[in-house]
PDB file of N, CA and C in Angstrom:
ATOM      1  N   MET A   1     -24.090  46.262 -45.150  1.00  0.00           N
ATOM      2  CA  MET A   1     -23.417  45.487 -43.925  1.00  0.00           C
ATOM      3  C   MET A   1     -21.983  45.389 -44.544  1.00  0.00           C
ATOM      4  N   ASN A   2     -22.030  44.497 -45.753  1.00  0.00           N
ATOM      5  CA  ASN A   2     -21.190  43.743 -47.029  1.00  0.00           C
ATOM      6  C   ASN A   2     -19.815  45.721 -46.381  1.00  0.00           C
ATOM      7  N   LEU A   3     -20.655  46.682 -47.489  1.00  0.00           N
ATOM      8  CA  LEU A   3     -19.526  47.991 -46.537  1.00  0.00           C
ATOM      9  C   LEU A   3     -18.974  47.461 -45.694  1.00  0.00           C
ATOM     10  N   LEU A   4     -19.116  48.114 -44.558  1.00  0.00           N
ATOM     11  CA  LEU A   4     -18.883  48.041 -43.376  1.00  0.00           C
ATOM     12  C   LEU A   4     -18.209  47.569 -42.623  1.00  0.00           C
ATOM     13  N   ARG A   5     -17.753  45.502 -42.942  1.00  0.00           N
ATOM     14  CA  ARG A   5     -17.270  45.036 -42.769  1.00  0.00           C
ATOM     15  C   ARG A   5     -15.881  45.179 -43.748  1.00  0.00           C
ATOM     16  N   ARG A   6     -16.487  46.264 -45.119  1.00  0.00           N
ATOM     17  CA  ARG A   6     -14.448  45.985 -45.654  1.00  0.00           C
ATOM     18  C   ARG A   6     -14.022  46.917 -45.096  1.00  0.00           C
ATOM     19  N   TYR A   7     -15.094  48.232 -44.592  1.00  0.00           N
ATOM     20  CA  TYR A   7     -13.869  49.200 -43.872  1.00  0.00           C
ATOM     21  C   TYR A   7     -13.196  48.539 -42.556  1.00  0.00           C
ATOM     22  N   PHE A   8     -14.402  48.066 -42.009  1.00  0.00           N
ATOM     23  CA  PHE A   8     -13.984  47.415 -40.457  1.00  0.00           C
ATOM     24  C   PHE A   8     -12.601  46.426 -40.492  1.00  0.00           C
ATOM     25  N   HIS A   9     -12.502  45.595 -41.325  1.00  0.00           N
ATOM     26  CA  HIS A   9     -11.086  45.471 -41.900  1.00  0.00           C
ATOM     27  C   HIS A   9     -10.174  45.720 -42.677  1.00  0.00           C
ATOM     28  N   TRP A  10     -10.691  47.474 -43.453  1.00  0.00           N
ATOM     29  CA  TRP A  10      -9.400  47.754 -43.758  1.00  0.00           C
ATOM     30  C   TRP A  10      -8.768  46.400 -45.726  1.00  0.00           C
ATOM     31  N   THR A  11      -9.705  46.646 -46.448  1.00  0.00           N
ATOM     32  CA  THR A  11      -9.224  45.388 -47.700  1.00  0.00           C
ATOM     33  C   THR A  11      -9.465  46.933 -48.576  1.00  0.00           C
ATOM     34  N   TYR A  12      -9.164  47.570 -48.365  1.00  0.00           N
ATOM     35  CA  TYR A  12     -10.099  48.761 -49.882  1.00  0.00           C
ATOM     36  C   TYR A  12      -8.765  49.080 -50.207  1.00  0.00           C
ATOM     37  N   GLU A  13      -7.953  48.816 -51.290  1.00  0.00           N
ATOM     38  CA  GLU A  13      -6.411  49.414 -51.802  1.00  0.00           C
ATOM     39  C   GLU A  13      -6.093  51.343 -51.643  1.00  0.00           C
ATOM     40  N   ARG A  14      -5.524  51.549 -52.009  1.00  0.00           N
ATOM     41  CA  ARG A  14      -4.937  52.064 -51.465  1.00  0.00           C
ATOM     42  C   ARG A  14      -5.509  52.980 -52.778  1.00  0.00           C
ATOM     43  N   GLY A  15      -5.781  54.635 -52.456  1.00  0.00           N
ATOM     44  CA  GLY A  15      -6.210  56.211 -53.367  1.00  0.00           C
ATOM     45  C   GLY A  15      -7.270  55.502 -53.947  1.00  0.00           C
ATOM     46  N   THR A  16      -8.074  53.645 -53.255  1.00  0.00           N
ATOM     47  CA  THR A  16      -9.653  53.937 -54.384  1.00  0.00           C
ATOM     48  C   THR A  16     -10.066  55.204 -52.649  1.00  0.00           C
ATOM     49  N   PHE A  17     -11.440  55.639 -54.094  1.00  0.00           N
ATOM     50  CA  PHE A  17     -12.209  56.072 -52.596  1.00  0.00           C
ATOM     51  C   PHE A  17     -12.836  56.267 -51.570  1.00  0.00           C
ATOM     52  N   HIS A  18     -12.720  55.238 -50.860  1.00  0.00           N
ATOM     53  CA  HIS A  18     -12.725  54.041 -49.886  1.00  0.00           C
ATOM     54  C   HIS A  18     -11.910  54.315 -48.980  1.00  0.00           C
ATOM     55  N   TYR A  19     -10.832  54.322 -49.322  1.00  0.00           N
ATOM     56  CA  TYR A  19      -9.733  54.078 -49.111  1.00  0.00           C
ATOM     57  C   TYR A  19      -9.786  55.583 -48.186  1.00  0.00           C
ATOM     58  N   ASP A  20      -9.759  56.597 -49.153  1.00  0.00           N
ATOM     59  CA  ASP A  20      -9.523  57.971 -48.805  1.00  0.00           C
ATOM     60  C   ASP A  20     -10.120  58.445 -47.579  1.00  0.00           C
ATOM     61  N   VAL A  21     -11.336  57.430 -47.394  1.00  0.00           N
ATOM     62  CA  VAL A  21     -12.589  58.057 -46.372  1.00  0.00           C
ATOM     63  C   VAL A  21     -11.997  57.916 -45.337  1.00  0.00           C
ATOM     64  N   MET A  22     -11.506  56.552 -45.512  1.00  0.00           N
ATOM     65  CA  MET A  22     -11.186  55.512 -44.195  1.00  0.00           C
ATOM     66  C   MET A  22     -10.038  56.947 -43.593  1.00  0.00           C
ATOM     67  N   VAL A  23      -8.554  57.007 -44.565  1.00  0.00           N
ATOM     68  CA  VAL A  23      -8.059  57.320 -43.958  1.00  0.00           C
ATOM     69  C   VAL A  23      -8.690  59.455 -42.965  1.00  0.00           C
ATOM     70  N   THR A  24      -9.455  59.955 -43.883  1.00  0.00           N
ATOM     71  CA  THR A  24      -9.915  61.497 -43.839  1.00  0.00           C
ATOM     72  C   THR A  24     -10.550  61.044 -41.801  1.00  0.00           C
ATOM     73  N   VAL A  25     -11.341  59.983 -42.307  1.00  0.00           N
ATOM     74  CA  VAL A  25     -11.692  59.638 -40.360  1.00  0.00           C
ATOM     75  C   VAL A  25     -11.380  59.908 -39.256  1.00  0.00           C
ATOM     76  N   ILE A  26      -9.996  59.238 -40.211  1.00  0.00           N
ATOM     77  CA  ILE A  26      -9.055  59.353 -38.617  1.00  0.00           C
ATOM     78  C   ILE A  26      -8.902  59.696 -38.723  1.00  0.00           C
ATOM     79  N   ILE A  27      -7.914  60.905 -39.827  1.00  0.00           N
ATOM     80  CA  ILE A  27      -7.355  62.005 -39.654  1.00  0.00           C
ATOM     81  C   ILE A  27      -7.989  63.292 -38.217  1.00  0.00           C
ATOM     82  N   LEU A  28      -9.615  63.149 -39.244  1.00  0.00           N
ATOM     83  CA  LEU A  28     -10.353  64.270 -38.287  1.00  0.00           C
ATOM     84  C   LEU A  28     -10.888  63.966 -36.711  1.00  0.00           C
ATOM     85  N   PHE A  29     -10.837  62.296 -36.148  1.00  0.00           N
ATOM     86  CA  PHE A  29     -10.712  61.984 -35.764  1.00  0.00           C
ATOM     87  C   PHE A  29      -9.394  62.693 -34.114  1.00  0.00           C
ATOM     88  N   ILE A  30      -8.115  61.801 -35.080  1.00  0.00           N
ATOM     89  CA  ILE A  30      -6.912  62.976 -34.594  1.00  0.00           C
ATOM     90  C   ILE A  30      -7.827  64.706 -33.847  1.00  0.00           C
ATOM     91  N   PHE A  31      -7.601  64.985 -34.978  1.00  0.00           N
ATOM     92  CA  PHE A  31      -7.613  66.367 -34.542  1.00  0.00           C
ATOM     93  C   PHE A  31      -8.325  67.947 -34.074  1.00  0.00           C
ATOM     94  N   VAL A  32     -10.239  66.796 -33.900  1.00  0.00           N
ATOM     95  CA  VAL A  32     -10.933  67.435 -33.317  1.00  0.00           C
ATOM     96  C   VAL A  32     -11.829  66.556 -32.520  1.00  0.00           C
ATOM     97  N   SER A  33     -11.356  64.747 -32.344  1.00  0.00           N
ATOM     98  CA  SER A  33     -11.343  64.595 -30.518  1.00  0.00           C
ATOM     99  C   SER A  33     -10.565  65.515 -29.293  1.00  0.00           C
ATOM    100  N   PRO A  34     -10.210  65.718 -29.554  1.00  0.00           N
ATOM    101  CA  PRO A  34      -9.412  66.785 -28.354  1.00  0.00           C
ATOM    102  C   PRO A  34     -10.234  68.068 -27.893  1.00  0.00           C
ATOM    103  N   HIS A  35     -11.101  68.108 -28.984  1.00  0.00           N
ATOM    104  CA  HIS A  35     -12.000  69.816 -28.871  1.00  0.00           C
ATOM    105  C   HIS A  35     -12.905  69.145 -27.586  1.00  0.00           C
ATOM    106  N   LEU A  36     -13.197  67.923 -28.639  1.00  0.00           N
ATOM    107  CA  LEU A  36     -14.264  67.246 -27.816  1.00  0.00           C
ATOM    108  C   LEU A  36     -14.549  66.768 -26.467  1.00  0.00           C
ATOM    109  N   TRP A  37     -13.236  65.782 -26.064  1.00  0.00           N
ATOM    110  CA  TRP A  37     -13.460  65.456 -25.080  1.00  0.00           C
ATOM    111  C   TRP A  37     -12.397  65.819 -24.504  1.00  0.00           C
ATOM    112  N   ASN A  38     -12.785  66.130 -22.738  1.00  0.00           N
ATOM    113  CA  ASN A  38     -11.173  65.727 -21.685  1.00  0.00           C
ATOM    114  C   ASN A  38     -10.944  64.005 -22.099  1.00  0.00           C
ATOM    115  N   TYR A  39      -9.423  64.718 -21.799  1.00  0.00           N
ATOM    116  CA  TYR A  39      -8.877  63.256 -21.622  1.00  0.00           C
ATOM    117  C   TYR A  39      -8.324  63.811 -19.514  1.00  0.00           C
ATOM    118  N   LYS A  40      -8.067  64.688 -19.747  1.00  0.00           N
ATOM    119  CA  LYS A  40      -7.619  65.478 -18.131  1.00  0.00           C
ATOM    120  C   LYS A  40      -6.327  65.326 -18.566  1.00  0.00           C
ATOM    121  N   ASP A  41      -5.473  65.906 -19.724  1.00  0.00           N
ATOM    122  CA  ASP A  41      -4.238  65.174 -19.130  1.00  0.00           C
ATOM    123  C   ASP A  41      -3.606  66.959 -19.476  1.00  0.00           C
ATOM    124  N   SER A  42      -2.311  67.739 -18.862  1.00  0.00           N
ATOM    125  CA  SER A  42      -1.980  68.904 -18.718  1.00  0.00           C
ATOM    126  C   SER A  42      -0.789  69.074 -18.651  1.00  0.00           C
ATOM    127  N   PRO A  43      -0.108  69.736 -18.578  1.00  0.00           N
ATOM    128  CA  PRO A  43       1.047  70.277 -18.559  1.00  0.00           C
ATOM    129  C   PRO A  43       1.399  70.090 -17.139  1.00  0.00           C
ATOM    130  N   ALA A  44       2.646  69.311 -16.617  1.00  0.00           N
ATOM    131  CA  ALA A  44       2.889  69.519 -15.255  1.00  0.00           C
ATOM    132  C   ALA A  44       3.421  70.580 -14.851  1.00  0.00           C
ATOM    133  N   ARG A  45       2.239  71.211 -13.484  1.00  0.00           N
ATOM    134  CA  ARG A  45       2.843  72.184 -12.710  1.00  0.00           C
ATOM    135  C   ARG A  45       4.632  72.339 -12.367  1.00  0.00           C
ATOM    136  N   TYR A  46       4.769  71.633 -11.754  1.00  0.00           N
ATOM    137  CA  TYR A  46       5.641  72.118 -10.830  1.00  0.00           C
ATOM    138  C   TYR A  46       6.530  70.645 -11.186  1.00  0.00           C
ATOM    139  N   MET A  47       7.478  70.657 -12.338  1.00  0.00           N
ATOM    140  CA  MET A  47       9.069  69.494 -12.895  1.00  0.00           C
ATOM    141  C   MET A  47       9.506  70.203 -12.095  1.00  0.00           C
ATOM    142  N   PRO A  48      10.211  69.024 -11.445  1.00  0.00           N
ATOM    143  CA  PRO A  48      12.249  69.355 -10.406  1.00  0.00           C
ATOM    144  C   PRO A  48      13.022  69.388 -12.000  1.00  0.00           C
ATOM    145  N   LEU A  49      13.639  69.605 -11.192  1.00  0.00           N
ATOM    146  CA  LEU A  49      15.729  69.839 -12.456  1.00  0.00           C
ATOM    147  C   LEU A  49      15.631  69.225 -11.917  1.00  0.00           C
ATOM    148  N   GLN A  50      16.216  67.553 -11.886  1.00  0.00           N
ATOM    149  CA  GLN A  50      18.049  66.944 -10.964  1.00  0.00           C
ATOM    150  C   GLN A  50      18.971  67.806 -11.091  1.00  0.00           C
ATOM    151  N   PRO A  51      19.112  67.741 -10.387  1.00  0.00           N
ATOM    152  CA  PRO A  51      20.917  68.532  -9.392  1.00  0.00           C
ATOM    153  C   PRO A  51      21.261  68.300 -10.670  1.00  0.00           C
ATOM    154  N   SER A  52      22.505  67.928 -11.868  1.00  0.00           N
ATOM    155  CA  SER A  52      23.010  67.906 -13.140  1.00  0.00           C
ATOM    156  C   SER A  52      22.240  68.568 -14.012  1.00  0.00           C
ATOM    157  N   GLN A  53      20.389  68.906 -13.914  1.00  0.00           N
ATOM    158  CA  GLN A  53      20.440  69.806 -15.380  1.00  0.00           C
ATOM    159  C   GLN A  53      19.679  70.906 -15.262  1.00  0.00           C
ATOM    160  N   VAL A  54      20.792  71.388 -16.282  1.00  0.00           N
ATOM    161  CA  VAL A  54      20.407  73.678 -15.845  1.00  0.00           C
ATOM    162  C   VAL A  54      19.110  73.208 -17.179  1.00  0.00           C
ATOM    163  N   LEU A  55      18.425  74.242 -16.964  1.00  0.00           N
ATOM    164  CA  LEU A  55      17.630  74.777 -18.442  1.00  0.00           C
ATOM    165  C   LEU A  55      18.215  76.227 -18.766  1.00  0.00           C
ATOM    166  N   VAL A  56      18.717  76.454 -20.440  1.00  0.00           N
ATOM    167  CA  VAL A  56      18.631  77.198 -20.415  1.00  0.00           C
ATOM    168  C   VAL A  56      18.294  77.624 -21.978  1.00  0.00           C
ATOM    169  N   LYS A  57      17.121  79.241 -21.352  1.00  0.00           N
ATOM    170  CA  LYS A  57      15.868  79.644 -22.804  1.00  0.00           C
ATOM    171  C   LYS A  57      16.999  80.730 -22.994  1.00  0.00           C
ATOM    172  N   THR A  58      17.065  80.951 -24.124  1.00  0.00           N
ATOM    173  CA  THR A  58      16.838  82.051 -25.479  1.00  0.00           C
ATOM    174  C   THR A  58      15.950  83.290 -25.011  1.00  0.00           C
ATOM    175  N   VAL A  59      16.492  84.280 -24.789  1.00  0.00           N
ATOM    176  CA  VAL A  59      15.442  85.530 -24.586  1.00  0.00           C
ATOM    177  C   VAL A  59      15.776  86.402 -25.725  1.00  0.00           C
ATOM    178  N   ALA A  60      16.719  86.837 -26.647  1.00  0.00           N
ATOM    179  CA  ALA A  60      17.370  87.839 -27.187  1.00  0.00           C
ATOM    180  C   ALA A  60      18.904  86.957 -27.116  1.00  0.00           C
ATOM    181  N   GLN A  61      19.473  87.181 -28.993  1.00  0.00           N
ATOM    182  CA  GLN A  61      20.521  86.844 -29.661  1.00  0.00           C
ATOM    183  C   GLN A  61      21.428  87.673 -28.696  1.00  0.00           C
ATOM    184  N   ASP A  62      22.016  86.887 -27.910  1.00  0.00           N
ATOM    185  CA  ASP A  62      23.407  86.753 -26.585  1.00  0.00           C
ATOM    186  C   ASP A  62      22.773  87.567 -25.312  1.00  0.00           C
ATOM    187  N   SER A  63      22.093  86.590 -25.170  1.00  0.00           N
ATOM    188  CA  SER A  63      20.587  86.726 -23.475  1.00  0.00           C
ATOM    189  C   SER A  63      20.272  85.434 -23.742  1.00  0.00           C
ATOM    190  N   PHE A  64      20.213  85.084 -21.919  1.00  0.00           N
ATOM    191  CA  PHE A  64      19.613  83.820 -21.591  1.00  0.00           C
ATOM    192  C   PHE A  64      19.081  83.607 -20.373  1.00  0.00           C
ATOM    193  N   GLU A  65      18.751  83.261 -20.545  1.00  0.00           N
ATOM    194  CA  GLU A  65      17.371  83.027 -18.725  1.00  0.00           C
ATOM    195  C   GLU A  65      17.809  81.761 -18.335  1.00  0.00           C
ATOM    196  N   ILE A  66      18.657  81.132 -17.054  1.00  0.00           N
ATOM    197  CA  ILE A  66      19.136  79.973 -17.136  1.00  0.00           C
ATOM    198  C   ILE A  66      18.445  80.025 -16.155  1.00  0.00           C
ATOM    199  N   GLN A  67      17.958  78.424 -15.418  1.00  0.00           N
ATOM    200  CA  GLN A  67      17.493  77.730 -14.909  1.00  0.00           C
ATOM    201  C   GLN A  67      18.672  76.681 -13.685  1.00  0.00           C
ATOM    202  N   ILE A  68      18.692  77.239 -12.558  1.00  0.00           N
ATOM    203  CA  ILE A  68      20.141  76.139 -12.320  1.00  0.00           C
ATOM    204  C   ILE A  68      18.821  75.480 -10.996  1.00  0.00           C
ATOM    205  N   PRO A  69      19.674  74.643 -10.825  1.00  0.00           N
ATOM    206  CA  PRO A  69      18.766  73.766  -9.280  1.00  0.00           C
ATOM    207  C   PRO A  69      19.815  74.040  -8.358  1.00  0.00           C
ATOM    208  N   LYS A  70      19.203  74.219  -7.076  1.00  0.00           N
ATOM    209  CA  LYS A  70      20.459  74.547  -5.412  1.00  0.00           C
ATOM    210  C   LYS A  70      20.978  72.954  -5.534  1.00  0.00           C
ATOM    211  N   ALA A  71      20.461  72.073  -5.803  1.00  0.00           N
ATOM    212  CA  ALA A  71      21.809  70.955  -5.007  1.00  0.00           C
ATOM    213  C   ALA A  71      23.727  71.172  -6.177  1.00  0.00           C
ATOM    214  N   ALA A  72      22.956  72.048  -7.292  1.00  0.00           N
ATOM    215  CA  ALA A  72      24.303  72.418  -8.338  1.00  0.00           C
ATOM    216  C   ALA A  72      25.288  73.706  -7.655  1.00  0.00           C
ATOM    217  N   LEU A  73      24.134  73.878  -7.062  1.00  0.00           N
ATOM    218  CA  LEU A  73      24.993  74.890  -5.629  1.00  0.00           C
ATOM    219  C   LEU A  73      25.860  74.850  -4.607  1.00  0.00           C
ATOM    220  N   ASN A  74      26.690  73.885  -4.383  1.00  0.00           N
ATOM    221  CA  ASN A  74      27.131  72.702  -4.007  1.00  0.00           C
ATOM    222  C   ASN A  74      27.147  73.422  -2.149  1.00  0.00           C
ATOM    223  N   ASP A  75      25.534  74.268  -2.077  1.00  0.00           N
ATOM    224  CA  ASP A  75      25.435  74.589  -0.679  1.00  0.00           C
ATOM    225  C   ASP A  75      26.727  76.427  -0.135  1.00  0.00           C
ATOM    226  N   ALA A  76      26.677  76.804  -1.545  1.00  0.00           N
ATOM    227  CA  ALA A  76      27.074  77.907  -0.999  1.00  0.00           C
ATOM    228  C   ALA A  76      26.629  79.396  -0.420  1.00  0.00           C
ATOM    229  N   LYS A  77      26.972  79.891   0.221  1.00  0.00           N
ATOM    230  CA  LYS A  77      25.912  80.452   1.393  1.00  0.00           C
ATOM    231  C   LYS A  77      25.728  82.545   1.062  1.00  0.00           C
ATOM    232  N   THR A  78      26.468  82.432   1.197  1.00  0.00           N
ATOM    233  CA  THR A  78      27.017  84.295   0.397  1.00  0.00           C
ATOM    234  C   THR A  78      25.915  84.568  -0.861  1.00  0.00           C
ATOM    235  N   PRO A  79      26.120  85.761  -1.175  1.00  0.00           N
ATOM    236  CA  PRO A  79      25.418  86.217  -2.567  1.00  0.00           C
ATOM    237  C   PRO A  79      26.958  86.200  -3.283  1.00  0.00           C
ATOM    238  N   ASP A  80      28.390  86.198  -2.947  1.00  0.00           N
ATOM    239  CA  ASP A  80      29.210  86.154  -3.812  1.00  0.00           C
ATOM    240  C   ASP A  80      29.764  84.534  -4.199  1.00  0.00           C
ATOM    241  N   GLU A  81      29.120  83.648  -2.608  1.00  0.00           N
ATOM    242  CA  GLU A  81      29.945  82.027  -3.239  1.00  0.00           C
ATOM    243  C   GLU A  81      28.903  81.683  -4.032  1.00  0.00           C
ATOM    244  N   GLN A  82      28.114  82.236  -4.065  1.00  0.00           N
ATOM    245  CA  GLN A  82      26.645  81.861  -4.924  1.00  0.00           C
ATOM    246  C   GLN A  82      26.846  81.518  -7.154  1.00  0.00           C
ATOM    247  N   HIS A  83      26.997  83.026  -6.737  1.00  0.00           N
ATOM    248  CA  HIS A  83      28.088  83.796  -7.653  1.00  0.00           C
ATOM    249  C   HIS A  83      28.846  82.742  -8.035  1.00  0.00           C
ATOM    250  N   GLU A  84      29.253  82.947  -7.781  1.00  0.00           N
ATOM    251  CA  GLU A  84      31.506  81.971  -8.158  1.00  0.00           C
ATOM    252  C   GLU A  84      30.607  80.593  -9.254  1.00  0.00           C
ATOM    253  N   ALA A  85      29.521  79.554  -7.610  1.00  0.00           N
ATOM    254  CA  ALA A  85      29.737  78.732  -8.198  1.00  0.00           C
ATOM    255  C   ALA A  85      28.083  78.536  -9.654  1.00  0.00           C
ATOM    256  N   MET A  86      27.572  79.809  -9.931  1.00  0.00           N
ATOM    257  CA  MET A  86      26.408  79.133 -10.281  1.00  0.00           C
ATOM    258  C   MET A  86      27.961  80.026 -11.666  1.00  0.00           C
ATOM    259  N   LEU A  87      28.036  80.527 -12.450  1.00  0.00           N
ATOM    260  CA  LEU A  87      29.653  80.487 -13.346  1.00  0.00           C
ATOM    261  C   LEU A  87      29.381  79.045 -13.197  1.00  0.00           C
ATOM    262  N   ARG A  88      30.697  78.770 -12.854  1.00  0.00           N
ATOM    263  CA  ARG A  88      31.434  77.379 -12.744  1.00  0.00           C
ATOM    264  C   ARG A  88      30.107  76.159 -13.756  1.00  0.00           C
ATOM    265  N   VAL A  89      28.513  76.743 -12.630  1.00  0.00           N
ATOM    266  CA  VAL A  89      27.601  75.322 -13.567  1.00  0.00           C
ATOM    267  C   VAL A  89      27.236  76.150 -15.083  1.00  0.00           C
ATOM    268  N   ILE A  90      27.508  77.688 -15.382  1.00  0.00           N
ATOM    269  CA  ILE A  90      26.595  77.889 -16.714  1.00  0.00           C
ATOM    270  C   ILE A  90      28.106  77.838 -17.405  1.00  0.00           C
ATOM    271  N   GLN A  91      28.638  78.583 -17.659  1.00  0.00           N
ATOM    272  CA  GLN A  91      29.951  78.599 -18.265  1.00  0.00           C
ATOM    273  C   GLN A  91      30.516  77.460 -18.980  1.00  0.00           C
ATOM    274  N   PRO A  92      30.225  76.069 -18.510  1.00  0.00           N
ATOM    275  CA  PRO A  92      30.116  75.067 -19.151  1.00  0.00           C
ATOM    276  C   PRO A  92      29.284  74.396 -20.329  1.00  0.00           C
ATOM    277  N   ILE A  93      28.400  75.095 -20.271  1.00  0.00           N
ATOM    278  CA  ILE A  93      27.084  75.306 -21.171  1.00  0.00           C
ATOM    279  C   ILE A  93      27.232  76.179 -21.830  1.00  0.00           C
ATOM    280  N   ALA A  94      27.024  77.650 -21.544  1.00  0.00           N
ATOM    281  CA  ALA A  94      26.975  78.719 -21.982  1.00  0.00           C
ATOM    282  C   ALA A  94      28.110  79.268 -22.601  1.00  0.00           C
ATOM    283  N   GLY A  95      29.186  79.171 -22.509  1.00  0.00           N
ATOM    284  CA  GLY A  95      30.622  79.727 -22.959  1.00  0.00           C
ATOM    285  C   GLY A  95      30.586  80.659 -21.956  1.00  0.00           C
ATOM    286  N   ASN A  96      31.372  82.088 -21.727  1.00  0.00           N
ATOM    287  CA  ASN A  96      32.172  82.822 -21.331  1.00  0.00           C
ATOM    288  C   ASN A  96      30.396  83.526 -21.074  1.00  0.00           C
ATOM    289  N   VAL A  97      29.972  84.006 -19.633  1.00  0.00           N
ATOM    290  CA  VAL A  97      28.909  84.268 -20.407  1.00  0.00           C
ATOM    291  C   VAL A  97      28.913  85.933 -18.399  1.00  0.00           C
ATOM    292  N   GLU A  98      28.953  86.893 -18.872  1.00  0.00           N
ATOM    293  CA  GLU A  98      27.933  87.101 -17.303  1.00  0.00           C
ATOM    294  C   GLU A  98      27.471  86.887 -17.048  1.00  0.00           C
ATOM    295  N   ILE A  99      26.563  87.390 -15.844  1.00  0.00           N
ATOM    296  CA  ILE A  99      25.313  86.973 -14.698  1.00  0.00           C
ATOM    297  C   ILE A  99      25.310  88.177 -13.975  1.00  0.00           C
ATOM    298  N   VAL A 100      23.481  89.122 -14.591  1.00  0.00           N
ATOM    299  CA  VAL A 100      22.740  90.130 -15.049  1.00  0.00           C
ATOM    300  C   VAL A 100      21.987  90.062 -13.746  1.00  0.00           C
ATOM    301  N   GLY A 101      22.323  91.171 -12.719  1.00  0.00           N
ATOM    302  CA  GLY A 101      21.332  91.383 -11.701  1.00  0.00           C
ATOM    303  C   GLY A 101      21.311  89.851 -10.623  1.00  0.00           C
ATOM    304  N   SER A 102      20.504  89.884 -10.341  1.00  0.00           N
ATOM    305  CA  SER A 102      20.287  88.946  -9.045  1.00  0.00           C
ATOM    306  C   SER A 102      19.510  87.962  -9.166  1.00  0.00           C
ATOM    307  N   PRO A 103      19.854  86.673  -8.831  1.00  0.00           N
ATOM    308  CA  PRO A 103      19.542  85.238  -8.724  1.00  0.00           C
ATOM    309  C   PRO A 103      17.819  85.204  -9.019  1.00  0.00           C
ATOM    310  N   LYS A 104      17.184  84.423  -9.286  1.00  0.00           N
ATOM    311  CA  LYS A 104      15.417  84.793  -8.660  1.00  0.00           C
ATOM    312  C   LYS A 104      15.882  83.389  -7.633  1.00  0.00           C
ATOM    313  N   PRO A 105      15.198  83.327  -6.850  1.00  0.00           N
ATOM    314  CA  PRO A 105      14.818  81.904  -6.005  1.00  0.00           C
ATOM    315  C   PRO A 105      13.086  80.991  -6.567  1.00  0.00           C
ATOM    316  N   ASN A 106      13.402  79.554  -7.204  1.00  0.00           N
ATOM    317  CA  ASN A 106      11.708  78.977  -7.810  1.00  0.00           C
ATOM    318  C   ASN A 106      11.498  78.747  -6.440  1.00  0.00           C
ATOM    319  N   LEU A 107      10.446  78.359  -6.452  1.00  0.00           N
ATOM    320  CA  LEU A 107      10.023  77.987  -4.914  1.00  0.00           C
ATOM    321  C   LEU A 107       9.125  76.528  -5.172  1.00  0.00           C
ATOM    322  N   ASP A 108       9.177  75.401  -3.950  1.00  0.00           N
ATOM    323  CA  ASP A 108       7.982  73.960  -4.843  1.00  0.00           C
ATOM    324  C   ASP A 108       7.001  74.567  -4.213  1.00  0.00           C
ATOM    325  N   PRO A 109       6.026  74.023  -3.935  1.00  0.00           N
ATOM    326  CA  PRO A 109       4.770  73.869  -3.853  1.00  0.00           C
ATOM    327  C   PRO A 109       4.148  74.658  -1.849  1.00  0.00           C
ATOM    328  N   ASN A 110       5.851  73.821  -2.229  1.00  0.00           N
ATOM    329  CA  ASN A 110       5.949  73.966  -0.202  1.00  0.00           C
ATOM    330  C   ASN A 110       6.281  75.154   0.060  1.00  0.00           C
ATOM    331  N   GLY A 111       7.000  75.584  -0.051  1.00  0.00           N
ATOM    332  CA  GLY A 111       7.889  77.026  -0.217  1.00  0.00           C
ATOM    333  C   GLY A 111       9.352  76.891   0.011  1.00  0.00           C
ATOM    334  N   HIS A 112       9.869  75.977  -0.659  1.00  0.00           N
ATOM    335  CA  HIS A 112      11.155  75.831  -0.302  1.00  0.00           C
ATOM    336  C   HIS A 112      12.185  76.029  -1.959  1.00  0.00           C
ATOM    337  N   ILE A 113      13.161  77.114  -1.611  1.00  0.00           N
ATOM    338  CA  ILE A 113      13.926  76.845  -2.918  1.00  0.00           C
ATOM    339  C   ILE A 113      14.587  75.852  -3.228  1.00  0.00           C
ATOM    340  N   VAL A 114      14.167  75.455  -4.491  1.00  0.00           N
ATOM    341  CA  VAL A 114      14.488  74.530  -5.285  1.00  0.00           C
ATOM    342  C   VAL A 114      15.926  74.324  -6.455  1.00  0.00           C
ATOM    343  N   SER A 115      15.645  75.984  -7.392  1.00  0.00           N
ATOM    344  CA  SER A 115      15.980  76.471  -8.348  1.00  0.00           C
ATOM    345  C   SER A 115      16.343  78.259  -7.642  1.00  0.00           C
ATOM    346  N   TYR A 116      17.214  78.147  -9.050  1.00  0.00           N
ATOM    347  CA  TYR A 116      16.802  79.849  -9.055  1.00  0.00           C
ATOM    348  C   TYR A 116      17.559  80.008 -10.882  1.00  0.00           C
ATOM    349  N   THR A 117      16.836  81.197 -11.312  1.00  0.00           N
ATOM    350  CA  THR A 117      16.519  81.926 -12.194  1.00  0.00           C
ATOM    351  C   THR A 117      17.477  82.585 -12.579  1.00  0.00           C
ATOM    352  N   VAL A 118      18.523  82.914 -13.447  1.00  0.00           N
ATOM    353  CA  VAL A 118      19.476  84.085 -13.219  1.00  0.00           C
ATOM    354  C   VAL A 118      18.802  84.034 -15.177  1.00  0.00           C
ATOM    355  N   LYS A 119      19.384  85.921 -15.393  1.00  0.00           N
ATOM    356  CA  LYS A 119      19.681  85.876 -16.538  1.00  0.00           C
ATOM    357  C   LYS A 119      21.516  86.883 -16.625  1.00  0.00           C
ATOM    358  N   ALA A 120      21.726  85.730 -18.171  1.00  0.00           N
ATOM    359  CA  ALA A 120      23.247  86.389 -17.873  1.00  0.00           C
ATOM    360  C   ALA A 120      23.107  86.676 -19.849  1.00  0.00           C
ATOM    361  N   THR A 121      24.181  87.367 -20.181  1.00  0.00           N
ATOM    362  CA  THR A 121      24.398  87.266 -21.466  1.00  0.00           C
ATOM    363  C   THR A 121      26.150  87.426 -21.921  1.00  0.00           C
ATOM    364  N   ARG A 122      26.500  87.258 -22.938  1.00  0.00           N
ATOM    365  CA  ARG A 122      27.330  87.339 -23.839  1.00  0.00           C
ATOM    366  C   ARG A 122      28.325  88.863 -24.283  1.00  0.00           C
TER     367      ARG A 122
END
């Protein structure tokens, strides 16, 4: 019983066998418990970007995949207006780039366009 009390109150000095056992038990708990218990946590399925946020992913050297919120395009109607608005948003972040292909709309769970994903190269 005295041994358990000393473990509970963490009275052993650093570098002793019992201290190493306590640290090992804590580390095992941290790494093993997620495999034994379901903590009901998972990544968010849909995370809307704020109007000022732009998500840039590097696909290859000098090739990017950029997600632009719809609100950042300032209600551009035609494809040419959208292209120009996207370049205005992208170039301060990624530098002098060209948009390759057409933008792919990203939909929220209700089917509304919330952002566009474009591929850009330098």
